[in-house]
mmCIF file of all heavy atoms, coordinates in Angstrom:
data_MODEL
# 
_entry.id   MODEL 
# 
loop_
_atom_site.group_PDB 
_atom_site.id 
_atom_site.type_symbol 
_atom_site.label_atom_id 
_atom_site.label_alt_id 
_atom_site.label_comp_id 
_atom_site.label_asym_id 
_atom_site.label_entity_id 
_atom_site.label_seq_id 
_atom_site.pdbx_PDB_ins_code 
_atom_site.Cartn_x 
_atom_site.Cartn_y 
_atom_site.Cartn_z 
_atom_site.occupancy 
_atom_site.B_iso_or_equiv 
_atom_site.pdbx_formal_charge 
_atom_site.auth_seq_id 
_atom_site.auth_comp_id 
_atom_site.auth_asym_id 
_atom_site.auth_atom_id 
_atom_site.pdbx_PDB_model_num 
ATOM 1   N N   . ALA A 1 1  ? 0.907  -1.227  -0.055 1.00 0.00 ? 1  ALA A N   1 
ATOM 2   C CA  . ALA A 1 1  ? 0.005  0.088   0.019  1.00 0.00 ? 1  ALA A CA  1 
ATOM 3   C C   . ALA A 1 1  ? 0.909  1.229   0.053  1.00 0.00 ? 1  ALA A C   1 
ATOM 4   O O   . ALA A 1 1  ? 2.107  1.099   0.022  1.00 0.00 ? 1  ALA A O   1 
ATOM 5   C CB  . ALA A 1 1  ? -0.856 0.054   1.297  1.00 0.00 ? 1  ALA A CB  1 
ATOM 6   N N   . THR A 1 2  ? 0.264  2.442   0.073  1.00 0.00 ? 2  THR A N   1 
ATOM 7   C CA  . THR A 1 2  ? 1.048  3.666   0.018  1.00 0.00 ? 2  THR A CA  1 
ATOM 8   C C   . THR A 1 2  ? 1.800  3.775   1.341  1.00 0.00 ? 2  THR A C   1 
ATOM 9   O O   . THR A 1 2  ? 3.078  3.879   1.331  1.00 0.00 ? 2  THR A O   1 
ATOM 10  C CB  . THR A 1 2  ? 0.210  4.844   -0.223 1.00 0.00 ? 2  THR A CB  1 
ATOM 11  O OG1 . THR A 1 2  ? -0.520 4.749   -1.438 1.00 0.00 ? 2  THR A OG1 1 
ATOM 12  C CG2 . THR A 1 2  ? 1.007  6.176   -0.292 1.00 0.00 ? 2  THR A CG2 1 
ATOM 13  N N   . PHE A 1 3  ? 1.053  3.614   2.482  1.00 0.00 ? 3  PHE A N   1 
ATOM 14  C CA  . PHE A 1 3  ? 1.763  3.769   3.772  1.00 0.00 ? 3  PHE A CA  1 
ATOM 15  C C   . PHE A 1 3  ? 1.658  2.700   4.712  1.00 0.00 ? 3  PHE A C   1 
ATOM 16  O O   . PHE A 1 3  ? 0.677  1.816   4.606  1.00 0.00 ? 3  PHE A O   1 
ATOM 17  C CB  . PHE A 1 3  ? 1.188  4.990   4.475  1.00 0.00 ? 3  PHE A CB  1 
ATOM 18  C CG  . PHE A 1 3  ? 1.134  6.340   3.752  1.00 0.00 ? 3  PHE A CG  1 
ATOM 19  C CD1 . PHE A 1 3  ? 0.154  6.966   3.039  1.00 0.00 ? 3  PHE A CD1 1 
ATOM 20  C CD2 . PHE A 1 3  ? 2.471  7.017   3.619  1.00 0.00 ? 3  PHE A CD2 1 
ATOM 21  C CE1 . PHE A 1 3  ? 0.228  8.155   2.422  1.00 0.00 ? 3  PHE A CE1 1 
ATOM 22  C CE2 . PHE A 1 3  ? 2.482  8.295   3.161  1.00 0.00 ? 3  PHE A CE2 1 
ATOM 23  C CZ  . PHE A 1 3  ? 1.473  8.846   2.339  1.00 0.00 ? 3  PHE A CZ  1 
ATOM 24  N N   . ASN A 1 4  ? 2.599  2.682   5.582  1.00 0.00 ? 4  ASN A N   1 
ATOM 25  C CA  . ASN A 1 4  ? 2.423  1.726   6.812  1.00 0.00 ? 4  ASN A CA  1 
ATOM 26  C C   . ASN A 1 4  ? 1.272  2.316   7.630  1.00 0.00 ? 4  ASN A C   1 
ATOM 27  O O   . ASN A 1 4  ? 1.399  3.605   7.958  1.00 0.00 ? 4  ASN A O   1 
ATOM 28  C CB  . ASN A 1 4  ? 3.670  1.691   7.724  1.00 0.00 ? 4  ASN A CB  1 
ATOM 29  C CG  . ASN A 1 4  ? 4.705  0.786   7.007  1.00 0.00 ? 4  ASN A CG  1 
ATOM 30  O OD1 . ASN A 1 4  ? 4.420  -0.012  6.158  1.00 0.00 ? 4  ASN A OD1 1 
ATOM 31  N ND2 . ASN A 1 4  ? 6.008  0.857   7.429  1.00 0.00 ? 4  ASN A ND2 1 
ATOM 32  N N   . GLU A 1 5  ? 0.308  1.566   8.175  1.00 0.00 ? 5  GLU A N   1 
ATOM 33  C CA  . GLU A 1 5  ? -0.893 2.075   8.758  1.00 0.00 ? 5  GLU A CA  1 
ATOM 34  C C   . GLU A 1 5  ? -0.973 1.433   10.145 1.00 0.00 ? 5  GLU A C   1 
ATOM 35  O O   . GLU A 1 5  ? -1.107 0.360   10.292 1.00 0.00 ? 5  GLU A O   1 
ATOM 36  C CB  . GLU A 1 5  ? -2.143 1.776   7.973  1.00 0.00 ? 5  GLU A CB  1 
ATOM 37  C CG  . GLU A 1 5  ? -2.045 2.414   6.568  1.00 0.00 ? 5  GLU A CG  1 
ATOM 38  C CD  . GLU A 1 5  ? -3.259 1.873   5.754  1.00 0.00 ? 5  GLU A CD  1 
ATOM 39  O OE1 . GLU A 1 5  ? -4.347 1.979   6.087  1.00 0.00 ? 5  GLU A OE1 1 
ATOM 40  O OE2 . GLU A 1 5  ? -2.935 1.379   4.596  1.00 0.00 ? 5  GLU A OE2 1 
ATOM 41  N N   . ASP A 1 6  ? -0.750 2.434   11.237 1.00 0.00 ? 6  ASP A N   1 
ATOM 42  C CA  . ASP A 1 6  ? -0.555 1.884   12.606 1.00 0.00 ? 6  ASP A CA  1 
ATOM 43  C C   . ASP A 1 6  ? -1.942 1.518   13.376 1.00 0.00 ? 6  ASP A C   1 
ATOM 44  O O   . ASP A 1 6  ? -1.944 1.028   14.410 1.00 0.00 ? 6  ASP A O   1 
ATOM 45  C CB  . ASP A 1 6  ? 0.174  3.038   13.408 1.00 0.00 ? 6  ASP A CB  1 
ATOM 46  C CG  . ASP A 1 6  ? -0.647 4.223   13.579 1.00 0.00 ? 6  ASP A CG  1 
ATOM 47  O OD1 . ASP A 1 6  ? -1.549 4.482   12.939 1.00 0.00 ? 6  ASP A OD1 1 
ATOM 48  O OD2 . ASP A 1 6  ? -0.320 5.059   14.522 1.00 0.00 ? 6  ASP A OD2 1 
ATOM 49  N N   . LEU A 1 7  ? -3.088 1.774   12.623 1.00 0.00 ? 7  LEU A N   1 
ATOM 50  C CA  . LEU A 1 7  ? -4.293 1.381   13.352 1.00 0.00 ? 7  LEU A CA  1 
ATOM 51  C C   . LEU A 1 7  ? -4.759 -0.018  12.815 1.00 0.00 ? 7  LEU A C   1 
ATOM 52  O O   . LEU A 1 7  ? -5.854 -0.480  13.233 1.00 0.00 ? 7  LEU A O   1 
ATOM 53  C CB  . LEU A 1 7  ? -5.411 2.408   12.976 1.00 0.00 ? 7  LEU A CB  1 
ATOM 54  C CG  . LEU A 1 7  ? -5.156 3.788   13.575 1.00 0.00 ? 7  LEU A CG  1 
ATOM 55  C CD1 . LEU A 1 7  ? -6.341 4.670   13.307 1.00 0.00 ? 7  LEU A CD1 1 
ATOM 56  C CD2 . LEU A 1 7  ? -4.891 3.717   15.078 1.00 0.00 ? 7  LEU A CD2 1 
ATOM 57  N N   . LYS A 1 8  ? -4.045 -0.663  12.011 1.00 0.00 ? 8  LYS A N   1 
ATOM 58  C CA  . LYS A 1 8  ? -4.298 -1.987  11.532 1.00 0.00 ? 8  LYS A CA  1 
ATOM 59  C C   . LYS A 1 8  ? -3.750 -3.005  12.640 1.00 0.00 ? 8  LYS A C   1 
ATOM 60  O O   . LYS A 1 8  ? -3.099 -2.679  13.582 1.00 0.00 ? 8  LYS A O   1 
ATOM 61  C CB  . LYS A 1 8  ? -3.698 -2.343  10.155 1.00 0.00 ? 8  LYS A CB  1 
ATOM 62  C CG  . LYS A 1 8  ? -4.351 -1.562  9.021  1.00 0.00 ? 8  LYS A CG  1 
ATOM 63  C CD  . LYS A 1 8  ? -3.851 -2.251  7.709  1.00 0.00 ? 8  LYS A CD  1 
ATOM 64  C CE  . LYS A 1 8  ? -4.719 -1.645  6.632  1.00 0.00 ? 8  LYS A CE  1 
ATOM 65  N NZ  . LYS A 1 8  ? -4.484 -2.385  5.329  1.00 0.00 ? 8  LYS A NZ  1 
ATOM 66  N N   . ALA A 1 9  ? -4.056 -4.350  12.468 1.00 0.00 ? 9  ALA A N   1 
ATOM 67  C CA  . ALA A 1 9  ? -3.607 -5.114  13.486 1.00 0.00 ? 9  ALA A CA  1 
ATOM 68  C C   . ALA A 1 9  ? -2.132 -5.200  13.474 1.00 0.00 ? 9  ALA A C   1 
ATOM 69  O O   . ALA A 1 9  ? -1.501 -5.079  12.519 1.00 0.00 ? 9  ALA A O   1 
ATOM 70  C CB  . ALA A 1 9  ? -4.105 -6.590  13.041 1.00 0.00 ? 9  ALA A CB  1 
ATOM 71  N N   . GLU A 1 10 ? -1.685 -5.537  14.724 1.00 0.00 ? 10 GLU A N   1 
ATOM 72  C CA  . GLU A 1 10 ? -0.140 -5.424  14.977 1.00 0.00 ? 10 GLU A CA  1 
ATOM 73  C C   . GLU A 1 10 ? 0.427  -6.532  14.154 1.00 0.00 ? 10 GLU A C   1 
ATOM 74  O O   . GLU A 1 10 ? -0.220 -7.576  13.858 1.00 0.00 ? 10 GLU A O   1 
ATOM 75  C CB  . GLU A 1 10 ? 0.154  -5.563  16.414 1.00 0.00 ? 10 GLU A CB  1 
ATOM 76  C CG  . GLU A 1 10 ? -0.199 -4.349  17.274 1.00 0.00 ? 10 GLU A CG  1 
ATOM 77  C CD  . GLU A 1 10 ? 0.340  -4.509  18.691 1.00 0.00 ? 10 GLU A CD  1 
ATOM 78  O OE1 . GLU A 1 10 ? 1.136  -5.508  18.979 1.00 0.00 ? 10 GLU A OE1 1 
ATOM 79  O OE2 . GLU A 1 10 ? -0.086 -3.644  19.472 1.00 0.00 ? 10 GLU A OE2 1 
ATOM 80  N N   . GLY A 1 11 ? 1.654  -6.338  13.726 1.00 0.00 ? 11 GLY A N   1 
ATOM 81  C CA  . GLY A 1 11 ? 2.396  -7.334  12.870 1.00 0.00 ? 11 GLY A CA  1 
ATOM 82  C C   . GLY A 1 11 ? 2.449  -6.962  11.366 1.00 0.00 ? 11 GLY A C   1 
ATOM 83  O O   . GLY A 1 11 ? 2.664  -5.779  11.172 1.00 0.00 ? 11 GLY A O   1 
ATOM 84  N N   . ILE A 1 12 ? 2.361  -7.950  10.538 1.00 0.00 ? 12 ILE A N   1 
ATOM 85  C CA  . ILE A 1 12 ? 2.576  -7.703  9.105  1.00 0.00 ? 12 ILE A CA  1 
ATOM 86  C C   . ILE A 1 12 ? 1.624  -6.684  8.574  1.00 0.00 ? 12 ILE A C   1 
ATOM 87  O O   . ILE A 1 12 ? 1.822  -5.864  7.658  1.00 0.00 ? 12 ILE A O   1 
ATOM 88  C CB  . ILE A 1 12 ? 2.517  -8.997  8.293  1.00 0.00 ? 12 ILE A CB  1 
ATOM 89  C CG1 . ILE A 1 12 ? 1.163  -9.607  8.507  1.00 0.00 ? 12 ILE A CG1 1 
ATOM 90  C CG2 . ILE A 1 12 ? 3.613  -9.871  8.706  1.00 0.00 ? 12 ILE A CG2 1 
ATOM 91  C CD1 . ILE A 1 12 ? 0.937  -10.713 7.443  1.00 0.00 ? 12 ILE A CD1 1 
ATOM 92  N N   . GLU A 1 13 ? 0.370  -6.671  9.173  1.00 0.00 ? 13 GLU A N   1 
ATOM 93  C CA  . GLU A 1 13 ? -0.730 -5.772  8.492  1.00 0.00 ? 13 GLU A CA  1 
ATOM 94  C C   . GLU A 1 13 ? -0.345 -4.244  8.631  1.00 0.00 ? 13 GLU A C   1 
ATOM 95  O O   . GLU A 1 13 ? -0.885 -3.461  7.851  1.00 0.00 ? 13 GLU A O   1 
ATOM 96  C CB  . GLU A 1 13 ? -2.080 -5.892  9.219  1.00 0.00 ? 13 GLU A CB  1 
ATOM 97  C CG  . GLU A 1 13 ? -2.638 -7.397  8.991  1.00 0.00 ? 13 GLU A CG  1 
ATOM 98  C CD  . GLU A 1 13 ? -3.034 -7.649  7.520  1.00 0.00 ? 13 GLU A CD  1 
ATOM 99  O OE1 . GLU A 1 13 ? -3.267 -6.535  6.828  1.00 0.00 ? 13 GLU A OE1 1 
ATOM 100 O OE2 . GLU A 1 13 ? -3.055 -8.707  7.009  1.00 0.00 ? 13 GLU A OE2 1 
ATOM 101 N N   . GLN A 1 14 ? 0.535  -3.924  9.584  1.00 0.00 ? 14 GLN A N   1 
ATOM 102 C CA  . GLN A 1 14 ? 0.907  -2.604  9.732  1.00 0.00 ? 14 GLN A CA  1 
ATOM 103 C C   . GLN A 1 14 ? 2.153  -2.205  8.879  1.00 0.00 ? 14 GLN A C   1 
ATOM 104 O O   . GLN A 1 14 ? 2.543  -0.992  8.922  1.00 0.00 ? 14 GLN A O   1 
ATOM 105 C CB  . GLN A 1 14 ? 1.284  -2.277  11.176 1.00 0.00 ? 14 GLN A CB  1 
ATOM 106 C CG  . GLN A 1 14 ? 0.095  -2.357  12.151 1.00 0.00 ? 14 GLN A CG  1 
ATOM 107 C CD  . GLN A 1 14 ? 0.633  -2.077  13.578 1.00 0.00 ? 14 GLN A CD  1 
ATOM 108 O OE1 . GLN A 1 14 ? 1.684  -1.987  13.910 1.00 0.00 ? 14 GLN A OE1 1 
ATOM 109 N NE2 . GLN A 1 14 ? -0.349 -1.775  14.431 1.00 0.00 ? 14 GLN A NE2 1 
ATOM 110 N N   . ASN A 1 15 ? 2.645  -3.135  8.067  1.00 0.00 ? 15 ASN A N   1 
ATOM 111 C CA  . ASN A 1 15 ? 3.926  -2.889  7.501  1.00 0.00 ? 15 ASN A CA  1 
ATOM 112 C C   . ASN A 1 15 ? 3.886  -3.397  5.919  1.00 0.00 ? 15 ASN A C   1 
ATOM 113 O O   . ASN A 1 15 ? 4.996  -3.739  5.517  1.00 0.00 ? 15 ASN A O   1 
ATOM 114 C CB  . ASN A 1 15 ? 4.897  -3.898  8.123  1.00 0.00 ? 15 ASN A CB  1 
ATOM 115 C CG  . ASN A 1 15 ? 5.182  -3.281  9.593  1.00 0.00 ? 15 ASN A CG  1 
ATOM 116 O OD1 . ASN A 1 15 ? 5.944  -2.273  9.775  1.00 0.00 ? 15 ASN A OD1 1 
ATOM 117 N ND2 . ASN A 1 15 ? 4.696  -4.101  10.425 1.00 0.00 ? 15 ASN A ND2 1 
ATOM 118 N N   . PHE A 1 16 ? 2.872  -3.034  5.254  1.00 0.00 ? 16 PHE A N   1 
ATOM 119 C CA  . PHE A 1 16 ? 2.837  -3.283  3.799  1.00 0.00 ? 16 PHE A CA  1 
ATOM 120 C C   . PHE A 1 16 ? 3.063  -1.887  3.050  1.00 0.00 ? 16 PHE A C   1 
ATOM 121 O O   . PHE A 1 16 ? 3.260  -1.900  1.823  1.00 0.00 ? 16 PHE A O   1 
ATOM 122 C CB  . PHE A 1 16 ? 1.453  -3.665  3.382  1.00 0.00 ? 16 PHE A CB  1 
ATOM 123 C CG  . PHE A 1 16 ? 1.257  -5.262  3.395  1.00 0.00 ? 16 PHE A CG  1 
ATOM 124 C CD1 . PHE A 1 16 ? 0.742  -5.804  4.526  1.00 0.00 ? 16 PHE A CD1 1 
ATOM 125 C CD2 . PHE A 1 16 ? 1.595  -5.932  2.422  1.00 0.00 ? 16 PHE A CD2 1 
ATOM 126 C CE1 . PHE A 1 16 ? 0.498  -7.245  4.704  1.00 0.00 ? 16 PHE A CE1 1 
ATOM 127 C CE2 . PHE A 1 16 ? 1.374  -7.449  2.555  1.00 0.00 ? 16 PHE A CE2 1 
ATOM 128 C CZ  . PHE A 1 16 ? 0.900  -7.956  3.555  1.00 0.00 ? 16 PHE A CZ  1 
ATOM 129 N N   . GLY A 1 17 ? 3.342  -0.853  3.727  1.00 0.00 ? 17 GLY A N   1 
ATOM 130 C CA  . GLY A 1 17 ? 3.549  0.329   2.926  1.00 0.00 ? 17 GLY A CA  1 
ATOM 131 C C   . GLY A 1 17 ? 4.894  0.522   2.250  1.00 0.00 ? 17 GLY A C   1 
ATOM 132 O O   . GLY A 1 17 ? 5.883  -0.020  2.708  1.00 0.00 ? 17 GLY A O   1 
ATOM 133 N N   . LEU A 1 18 ? 4.724  1.267   1.169  1.00 0.00 ? 18 LEU A N   1 
ATOM 134 C CA  . LEU A 1 18 ? 6.044  1.768   0.454  1.00 0.00 ? 18 LEU A CA  1 
ATOM 135 C C   . LEU A 1 18 ? 6.699  2.913   1.250  1.00 0.00 ? 18 LEU A C   1 
ATOM 136 O O   . LEU A 1 18 ? 7.862  3.195   1.049  1.00 0.00 ? 18 LEU A O   1 
ATOM 137 C CB  . LEU A 1 18 ? 5.821  2.068   -0.976 1.00 0.00 ? 18 LEU A CB  1 
ATOM 138 C CG  . LEU A 1 18 ? 5.111  1.087   -1.822 1.00 0.00 ? 18 LEU A CG  1 
ATOM 139 C CD1 . LEU A 1 18 ? 5.084  1.455   -3.337 1.00 0.00 ? 18 LEU A CD1 1 
ATOM 140 C CD2 . LEU A 1 18 ? 5.866  -0.312  -1.735 1.00 0.00 ? 18 LEU A CD2 1 
ATOM 141 N N   . PHE A 1 19 ? 5.917  3.673   1.968  1.00 0.00 ? 19 PHE A N   1 
ATOM 142 C CA  . PHE A 1 19 ? 6.348  4.812   2.683  1.00 0.00 ? 19 PHE A CA  1 
ATOM 143 C C   . PHE A 1 19 ? 5.923  4.817   4.111  1.00 0.00 ? 19 PHE A C   1 
ATOM 144 O O   . PHE A 1 19 ? 4.938  4.216   4.553  1.00 0.00 ? 19 PHE A O   1 
ATOM 145 C CB  . PHE A 1 19 ? 5.657  6.122   2.123  1.00 0.00 ? 19 PHE A CB  1 
ATOM 146 C CG  . PHE A 1 19 ? 6.068  6.273   0.620  1.00 0.00 ? 19 PHE A CG  1 
ATOM 147 C CD1 . PHE A 1 19 ? 5.411  5.889   -0.379 1.00 0.00 ? 19 PHE A CD1 1 
ATOM 148 C CD2 . PHE A 1 19 ? 7.310  7.096   0.391  1.00 0.00 ? 19 PHE A CD2 1 
ATOM 149 C CE1 . PHE A 1 19 ? 5.835  6.054   -1.802 1.00 0.00 ? 19 PHE A CE1 1 
ATOM 150 C CE2 . PHE A 1 19 ? 7.616  7.253   -1.036 1.00 0.00 ? 19 PHE A CE2 1 
ATOM 151 C CZ  . PHE A 1 19 ? 6.846  6.739   -2.026 1.00 0.00 ? 19 PHE A CZ  1 
ATOM 152 N N   . PHE A 1 20 ? 6.793  5.434   4.948  1.00 0.00 ? 20 PHE A N   1 
ATOM 153 C CA  . PHE A 1 20 ? 6.339  5.647   6.299  1.00 0.00 ? 20 PHE A CA  1 
ATOM 154 C C   . PHE A 1 20 ? 5.414  6.958   6.342  1.00 0.00 ? 20 PHE A C   1 
ATOM 155 O O   . PHE A 1 20 ? 5.387  7.592   5.354  1.00 0.00 ? 20 PHE A O   1 
ATOM 156 C CB  . PHE A 1 20 ? 7.593  5.988   7.100  1.00 0.00 ? 20 PHE A CB  1 
ATOM 157 C CG  . PHE A 1 20 ? 8.565  4.855   7.326  1.00 0.00 ? 20 PHE A CG  1 
ATOM 158 C CD1 . PHE A 1 20 ? 9.720  4.864   6.629  1.00 0.00 ? 20 PHE A CD1 1 
ATOM 159 C CD2 . PHE A 1 20 ? 8.327  3.762   8.095  1.00 0.00 ? 20 PHE A CD2 1 
ATOM 160 C CE1 . PHE A 1 20 ? 10.689 3.892   6.761  1.00 0.00 ? 20 PHE A CE1 1 
ATOM 161 C CE2 . PHE A 1 20 ? 9.059  2.692   8.323  1.00 0.00 ? 20 PHE A CE2 1 
ATOM 162 C CZ  . PHE A 1 20 ? 10.384 2.686   7.639  1.00 0.00 ? 20 PHE A CZ  1 
ATOM 163 N N   . PRO A 1 21 ? 4.694  7.137   7.463  1.00 0.00 ? 21 PRO A N   1 
ATOM 164 C CA  . PRO A 1 21 ? 3.858  8.253   7.476  1.00 0.00 ? 21 PRO A CA  1 
ATOM 165 C C   . PRO A 1 21 ? 4.471  9.655   7.178  1.00 0.00 ? 21 PRO A C   1 
ATOM 166 O O   . PRO A 1 21 ? 3.765  10.555  6.865  1.00 0.00 ? 21 PRO A O   1 
ATOM 167 C CB  . PRO A 1 21 ? 3.099  8.153   8.949  1.00 0.00 ? 21 PRO A CB  1 
ATOM 168 C CG  . PRO A 1 21 ? 3.148  6.708   9.228  1.00 0.00 ? 21 PRO A CG  1 
ATOM 169 C CD  . PRO A 1 21 ? 4.491  6.249   8.609  1.00 0.00 ? 21 PRO A CD  1 
ATOM 170 N N   . ASN A 1 22 ? 5.838  9.711   7.531  1.00 0.00 ? 22 ASN A N   1 
ATOM 171 C CA  . ASN A 1 22 ? 6.478  11.033  7.259  1.00 0.00 ? 22 ASN A CA  1 
ATOM 172 C C   . ASN A 1 22 ? 6.838  11.122  5.840  1.00 0.00 ? 22 ASN A C   1 
ATOM 173 O O   . ASN A 1 22 ? 7.616  12.066  5.453  1.00 0.00 ? 22 ASN A O   1 
ATOM 174 C CB  . ASN A 1 22 ? 7.676  11.154  8.159  1.00 0.00 ? 22 ASN A CB  1 
ATOM 175 C CG  . ASN A 1 22 ? 8.803  10.191  7.898  1.00 0.00 ? 22 ASN A CG  1 
ATOM 176 O OD1 . ASN A 1 22 ? 8.635  9.340   7.036  1.00 0.00 ? 22 ASN A OD1 1 
ATOM 177 N ND2 . ASN A 1 22 ? 9.884  10.284  8.612  1.00 0.00 ? 22 ASN A ND2 1 
ATOM 178 N N   . GLN A 1 23 ? 6.363  10.247  4.976  1.00 0.00 ? 23 GLN A N   1 
ATOM 179 C CA  . GLN A 1 23 ? 6.623  10.201  3.475  1.00 0.00 ? 23 GLN A CA  1 
ATOM 180 C C   . GLN A 1 23 ? 8.097  9.765   3.126  1.00 0.00 ? 23 GLN A C   1 
ATOM 181 O O   . GLN A 1 23 ? 8.528  9.760   1.997  1.00 0.00 ? 23 GLN A O   1 
ATOM 182 C CB  . GLN A 1 23 ? 6.366  11.521  2.815  1.00 0.00 ? 23 GLN A CB  1 
ATOM 183 C CG  . GLN A 1 23 ? 4.833  12.021  3.082  1.00 0.00 ? 23 GLN A CG  1 
ATOM 184 C CD  . GLN A 1 23 ? 4.525  13.182  2.328  1.00 0.00 ? 23 GLN A CD  1 
ATOM 185 O OE1 . GLN A 1 23 ? 4.849  13.465  1.245  1.00 0.00 ? 23 GLN A OE1 1 
ATOM 186 N NE2 . GLN A 1 23 ? 3.922  14.082  3.073  1.00 0.00 ? 23 GLN A NE2 1 
ATOM 187 N N   . ALA A 1 24 ? 8.833  9.311   4.158  1.00 0.00 ? 24 ALA A N   1 
ATOM 188 C CA  . ALA A 1 24 ? 10.142 8.614   3.887  1.00 0.00 ? 24 ALA A CA  1 
ATOM 189 C C   . ALA A 1 24 ? 9.861  7.263   3.214  1.00 0.00 ? 24 ALA A C   1 
ATOM 190 O O   . ALA A 1 24 ? 8.982  6.627   3.773  1.00 0.00 ? 24 ALA A O   1 
ATOM 191 C CB  . ALA A 1 24 ? 10.979 8.615   5.035  1.00 0.00 ? 24 ALA A CB  1 
ATOM 192 N N   . GLN A 1 25 ? 10.685 6.787   2.327  1.00 0.00 ? 25 GLN A N   1 
ATOM 193 C CA  . GLN A 1 25 ? 10.446 5.603   1.650  1.00 0.00 ? 25 GLN A CA  1 
ATOM 194 C C   . GLN A 1 25 ? 10.917 4.429   2.623  1.00 0.00 ? 25 GLN A C   1 
ATOM 195 O O   . GLN A 1 25 ? 11.874 4.599   3.350  1.00 0.00 ? 25 GLN A O   1 
ATOM 196 C CB  . GLN A 1 25 ? 11.221 5.450   0.369  1.00 0.00 ? 25 GLN A CB  1 
ATOM 197 C CG  . GLN A 1 25 ? 12.652 5.701   0.448  1.00 0.00 ? 25 GLN A CG  1 
ATOM 198 C CD  . GLN A 1 25 ? 13.436 5.571   -0.875 1.00 0.00 ? 25 GLN A CD  1 
ATOM 199 O OE1 . GLN A 1 25 ? 12.919 5.042   -1.818 1.00 0.00 ? 25 GLN A OE1 1 
ATOM 200 N NE2 . GLN A 1 25 ? 14.639 6.165   -0.908 1.00 0.00 ? 25 GLN A NE2 1 
ATOM 201 N N   . VAL A 1 26 ? 10.159 3.389   2.696  1.00 0.00 ? 26 VAL A N   1 
ATOM 202 C CA  . VAL A 1 26 ? 10.673 2.215   3.534  1.00 0.00 ? 26 VAL A CA  1 
ATOM 203 C C   . VAL A 1 26 ? 11.637 1.496   2.693  1.00 0.00 ? 26 VAL A C   1 
ATOM 204 O O   . VAL A 1 26 ? 12.607 1.039   3.392  1.00 0.00 ? 26 VAL A O   1 
ATOM 205 C CB  . VAL A 1 26 ? 9.246  1.297   3.663  1.00 0.00 ? 26 VAL A CB  1 
ATOM 206 C CG1 . VAL A 1 26 ? 9.772  0.028   4.444  1.00 0.00 ? 26 VAL A CG1 1 
ATOM 207 C CG2 . VAL A 1 26 ? 8.153  1.958   4.539  1.00 0.00 ? 26 VAL A CG2 1 
ATOM 208 N N   . TYR A 1 27 ? 11.599 1.421   1.434  1.00 0.00 ? 27 TYR A N   1 
ATOM 209 C CA  . TYR A 1 27 ? 12.624 0.824   0.615  1.00 0.00 ? 27 TYR A CA  1 
ATOM 210 C C   . TYR A 1 27 ? 12.412 1.408   -0.806 1.00 0.00 ? 27 TYR A C   1 
ATOM 211 O O   . TYR A 1 27 ? 11.226 1.887   -1.105 1.00 0.00 ? 27 TYR A O   1 
ATOM 212 C CB  . TYR A 1 27 ? 12.626 -0.619  0.522  1.00 0.00 ? 27 TYR A CB  1 
ATOM 213 C CG  . TYR A 1 27 ? 11.090 -1.283  0.205  1.00 0.00 ? 27 TYR A CG  1 
ATOM 214 C CD1 . TYR A 1 27 ? 10.771 -1.430  -1.080 1.00 0.00 ? 27 TYR A CD1 1 
ATOM 215 C CD2 . TYR A 1 27 ? 10.357 -1.616  1.168  1.00 0.00 ? 27 TYR A CD2 1 
ATOM 216 C CE1 . TYR A 1 27 ? 9.497  -1.864  -1.427 1.00 0.00 ? 27 TYR A CE1 1 
ATOM 217 C CE2 . TYR A 1 27 ? 9.021  -2.193  0.813  1.00 0.00 ? 27 TYR A CE2 1 
ATOM 218 C CZ  . TYR A 1 27 ? 8.608  -2.237  -0.419 1.00 0.00 ? 27 TYR A CZ  1 
ATOM 219 O OH  . TYR A 1 27 ? 7.458  -2.758  -0.745 1.00 0.00 ? 27 TYR A OH  1 
ATOM 220 N N   . PRO A 1 28 ? 13.397 1.555   -1.644 1.00 0.00 ? 28 PRO A N   1 
ATOM 221 C CA  . PRO A 1 28 ? 13.290 2.205   -2.828 1.00 0.00 ? 28 PRO A CA  1 
ATOM 222 C C   . PRO A 1 28 ? 12.579 1.279   -3.935 1.00 0.00 ? 28 PRO A C   1 
ATOM 223 O O   . PRO A 1 28 ? 12.776 0.037   -3.919 1.00 0.00 ? 28 PRO A O   1 
ATOM 224 C CB  . PRO A 1 28 ? 14.787 2.413   -3.412 1.00 0.00 ? 28 PRO A CB  1 
ATOM 225 C CG  . PRO A 1 28 ? 15.632 1.412   -2.568 1.00 0.00 ? 28 PRO A CG  1 
ATOM 226 C CD  . PRO A 1 28 ? 14.895 1.187   -1.233 1.00 0.00 ? 28 PRO A CD  1 
ATOM 227 N N   . VAL A 1 29 ? 11.819 1.943   -4.690 1.00 0.00 ? 29 VAL A N   1 
ATOM 228 C CA  . VAL A 1 29 ? 11.067 1.176   -5.823 1.00 0.00 ? 29 VAL A CA  1 
ATOM 229 C C   . VAL A 1 29 ? 11.283 1.928   -7.128 1.00 0.00 ? 29 VAL A C   1 
ATOM 230 O O   . VAL A 1 29 ? 11.215 3.092   -7.242 1.00 0.00 ? 29 VAL A O   1 
ATOM 231 C CB  . VAL A 1 29 ? 9.608  1.242   -5.609 1.00 0.00 ? 29 VAL A CB  1 
ATOM 232 C CG1 . VAL A 1 29 ? 8.831  0.470   -6.621 1.00 0.00 ? 29 VAL A CG1 1 
ATOM 233 C CG2 . VAL A 1 29 ? 9.270  0.591   -4.183 1.00 0.00 ? 29 VAL A CG2 1 
# 
């Protein structure tokens, strides 16, 4: 998804984002 979303279930569901909420990339694409 676009962002990691912290209100989802803890674990992998919070970590599908390409970007952190501050718009920094989680990894380059």
